[in-house]
Amino acid sequence: MNVSVPLVVILGVVVWVAWRYMGLRGWHIAVCLLFGFFLAATSAAPEIRQLVSVLVQSVSQP
């Protein structure tokens, strides 16, 4: 997936905005990071990566 770095940046900005303006606490961020880390190690990771890839391709097509 060629959009992994921009997608990570976009998700990082969303987390920052949620933390700054929506009252997201530091421990909420830590739980989300741990959830993503452990989810990436499961057997569901390839399907999630494929789904995200399809969604990004469908959004980026004119």
N, C-alpha and C. Protein backbone atom coordinates (compact mmCIF):
# COMPACT_ATOMS: atom_id res chain seq x y z
N MET A 1 0.85 -1.16 0.00
CA MET A 1 0.00 0.00 0.00
C MET A 1 0.90 1.23 0.00
N ASN A 2 0.80 2.04 -1.00
CA ASN A 2 1.68 3.18 -1.17
C ASN A 2 1.29 4.39 -0.33
N VAL A 3 0.13 4.38 0.27
CA VAL A 3 -0.35 5.54 1.00
C VAL A 3 -0.21 5.38 2.50
N SER A 4 0.62 4.48 2.96
CA SER A 4 0.69 4.19 4.38
C SER A 4 1.19 5.39 5.19
N VAL A 5 2.22 6.11 4.72
CA VAL A 5 2.73 7.25 5.48
C VAL A 5 1.72 8.40 5.49
N PRO A 6 1.15 8.81 4.34
CA PRO A 6 0.14 9.87 4.42
C PRO A 6 -1.08 9.47 5.25
N LEU A 7 -1.46 8.22 5.18
CA LEU A 7 -2.60 7.77 5.97
C LEU A 7 -2.29 7.84 7.45
N VAL A 8 -1.08 7.48 7.83
CA VAL A 8 -0.67 7.58 9.23
C VAL A 8 -0.66 9.04 9.68
N VAL A 9 -0.21 9.92 8.81
CA VAL A 9 -0.18 11.35 9.14
C VAL A 9 -1.61 11.87 9.33
N ILE A 10 -2.51 11.50 8.44
CA ILE A 10 -3.91 11.93 8.56
C ILE A 10 -4.53 11.40 9.85
N LEU A 11 -4.31 10.13 10.15
CA LEU A 11 -4.84 9.58 11.39
C LEU A 11 -4.21 10.24 12.61
N GLY A 12 -2.93 10.58 12.52
CA GLY A 12 -2.27 11.30 13.61
C GLY A 12 -2.88 12.67 13.84
N VAL A 13 -3.20 13.36 12.75
CA VAL A 13 -3.85 14.67 12.87
C VAL A 13 -5.24 14.53 13.49
N VAL A 14 -5.97 13.50 13.09
CA VAL A 14 -7.30 13.27 13.67
C VAL A 14 -7.19 13.02 15.17
N VAL A 15 -6.21 12.24 15.58
CA VAL A 15 -6.01 11.98 17.02
C VAL A 15 -5.63 13.26 17.74
N TRP A 16 -4.75 14.06 17.13
CA TRP A 16 -4.34 15.32 17.76
C TRP A 16 -5.53 16.26 17.92
N VAL A 17 -6.36 16.37 16.87
CA VAL A 17 -7.55 17.23 16.95
C VAL A 17 -8.51 16.72 18.03
N ALA A 18 -8.69 15.42 18.09
CA ALA A 18 -9.57 14.85 19.12
C ALA A 18 -9.00 15.12 20.51
N TRP A 19 -7.69 15.04 20.66
CA TRP A 19 -7.07 15.30 21.95
C TRP A 19 -7.18 16.77 22.32
N ARG A 20 -6.96 17.63 21.33
CA ARG A 20 -6.92 19.07 21.59
C ARG A 20 -8.31 19.66 21.81
N TYR A 21 -9.28 19.27 20.99
CA TYR A 21 -10.57 19.96 20.99
C TYR A 21 -11.75 19.13 21.48
N MET A 22 -11.60 17.82 21.59
CA MET A 22 -12.74 16.99 21.96
C MET A 22 -12.57 16.34 23.33
N GLY A 23 -11.52 16.70 24.04
CA GLY A 23 -11.36 16.20 25.40
C GLY A 23 -10.79 14.80 25.49
N LEU A 24 -10.11 14.35 24.46
CA LEU A 24 -9.48 13.03 24.51
C LEU A 24 -8.34 13.07 25.52
N ARG A 25 -8.32 12.14 26.43
CA ARG A 25 -7.29 12.10 27.46
C ARG A 25 -6.07 11.34 26.97
N GLY A 26 -4.97 11.51 27.65
CA GLY A 26 -3.73 10.83 27.30
C GLY A 26 -3.85 9.32 27.37
N TRP A 27 -4.59 8.82 28.36
CA TRP A 27 -4.72 7.37 28.46
C TRP A 27 -5.61 6.82 27.37
N HIS A 28 -6.53 7.63 26.83
CA HIS A 28 -7.33 7.20 25.68
C HIS A 28 -6.43 6.97 24.47
N ILE A 29 -5.49 7.90 24.28
CA ILE A 29 -4.55 7.78 23.17
C ILE A 29 -3.69 6.54 23.34
N ALA A 30 -3.23 6.29 24.58
CA ALA A 30 -2.40 5.11 24.84
C ALA A 30 -3.17 3.82 24.56
N VAL A 31 -4.44 3.77 24.94
CA VAL A 31 -5.26 2.58 24.68
C VAL A 31 -5.45 2.39 23.19
N CYS A 32 -5.70 3.46 22.45
CA CYS A 32 -5.85 3.36 20.99
C CYS A 32 -4.57 2.88 20.34
N LEU A 33 -3.42 3.40 20.78
CA LEU A 33 -2.15 2.96 20.22
C LEU A 33 -1.89 1.48 20.51
N LEU A 34 -2.14 1.06 21.73
CA LEU A 34 -1.95 -0.35 22.08
C LEU A 34 -2.90 -1.24 21.31
N PHE A 35 -4.15 -0.80 21.15
CA PHE A 35 -5.12 -1.58 20.39
C PHE A 35 -4.64 -1.76 18.95
N GLY A 36 -4.19 -0.68 18.32
CA GLY A 36 -3.70 -0.77 16.96
C GLY A 36 -2.46 -1.65 16.85
N PHE A 37 -1.56 -1.54 17.82
CA PHE A 37 -0.35 -2.35 17.83
C PHE A 37 -0.68 -3.83 17.92
N PHE A 38 -1.55 -4.19 18.84
CA PHE A 38 -1.90 -5.60 19.01
C PHE A 38 -2.80 -6.11 17.88
N LEU A 39 -3.64 -5.25 17.33
CA LEU A 39 -4.47 -5.64 16.20
C LEU A 39 -3.62 -5.95 14.98
N ALA A 40 -2.52 -5.22 14.81
CA ALA A 40 -1.63 -5.46 13.68
C ALA A 40 -0.96 -6.82 13.76
N ALA A 41 -0.90 -7.40 14.94
CA ALA A 41 -0.26 -8.71 15.11
C ALA A 41 -1.25 -9.87 14.99
N THR A 42 -2.51 -9.59 14.74
CA THR A 42 -3.51 -10.66 14.65
C THR A 42 -3.64 -11.14 13.21
N SER A 43 -4.43 -12.17 13.04
CA SER A 43 -4.67 -12.69 11.69
C SER A 43 -5.61 -11.80 10.89
N ALA A 44 -6.24 -10.83 11.53
CA ALA A 44 -7.14 -9.91 10.84
C ALA A 44 -6.39 -8.79 10.14
N ALA A 45 -5.11 -8.62 10.42
CA ALA A 45 -4.34 -7.49 9.88
C ALA A 45 -4.32 -7.46 8.35
N PRO A 46 -4.10 -8.58 7.64
CA PRO A 46 -4.10 -8.50 6.17
C PRO A 46 -5.45 -8.08 5.58
N GLU A 47 -6.53 -8.53 6.17
CA GLU A 47 -7.85 -8.14 5.68
C GLU A 47 -8.12 -6.66 5.93
N ILE A 48 -7.70 -6.17 7.08
CA ILE A 48 -7.87 -4.75 7.39
C ILE A 48 -7.04 -3.91 6.44
N ARG A 49 -5.81 -4.32 6.18
CA ARG A 49 -4.93 -3.59 5.25
C ARG A 49 -5.54 -3.58 3.85
N GLN A 50 -6.12 -4.70 3.42
CA GLN A 50 -6.74 -4.77 2.11
C GLN A 50 -7.97 -3.87 2.04
N LEU A 51 -8.79 -3.87 3.09
CA LEU A 51 -9.97 -3.02 3.13
C LEU A 51 -9.59 -1.55 3.06
N VAL A 52 -8.59 -1.15 3.83
CA VAL A 52 -8.13 0.24 3.81
C VAL A 52 -7.59 0.60 2.44
N SER A 53 -6.87 -0.31 1.82
CA SER A 53 -6.32 -0.07 0.49
C SER A 53 -7.43 0.14 -0.53
N VAL A 54 -8.46 -0.69 -0.48
CA VAL A 54 -9.59 -0.55 -1.41
C VAL A 54 -10.32 0.77 -1.17
N LEU A 55 -10.52 1.13 0.08
CA LEU A 55 -11.19 2.39 0.39
C LEU A 55 -10.39 3.60 -0.09
N VAL A 56 -9.07 3.57 0.12
CA VAL A 56 -8.24 4.68 -0.31
C VAL A 56 -8.23 4.77 -1.84
N GLN A 57 -8.15 3.63 -2.52
CA GLN A 57 -8.17 3.65 -3.98
C GLN A 57 -9.49 4.17 -4.52
N SER A 58 -10.60 3.79 -3.88
CA SER A 58 -11.91 4.25 -4.37
C SER A 58 -12.09 5.75 -4.12
N VAL A 59 -11.52 6.26 -3.05
CA VAL A 59 -11.64 7.69 -2.76
C VAL A 59 -10.71 8.50 -3.68
N SER A 60 -9.54 7.95 -4.00
CA SER A 60 -8.57 8.71 -4.77
C SER A 60 -8.81 8.68 -6.28
N GLN A 61 -9.70 7.82 -6.75
CA GLN A 61 -9.99 7.76 -8.18
C GLN A 61 -10.92 8.92 -8.54
N PRO A 62 -10.65 9.58 -9.69
CA PRO A 62 -11.50 10.72 -10.10
C PRO A 62 -12.87 10.31 -10.57
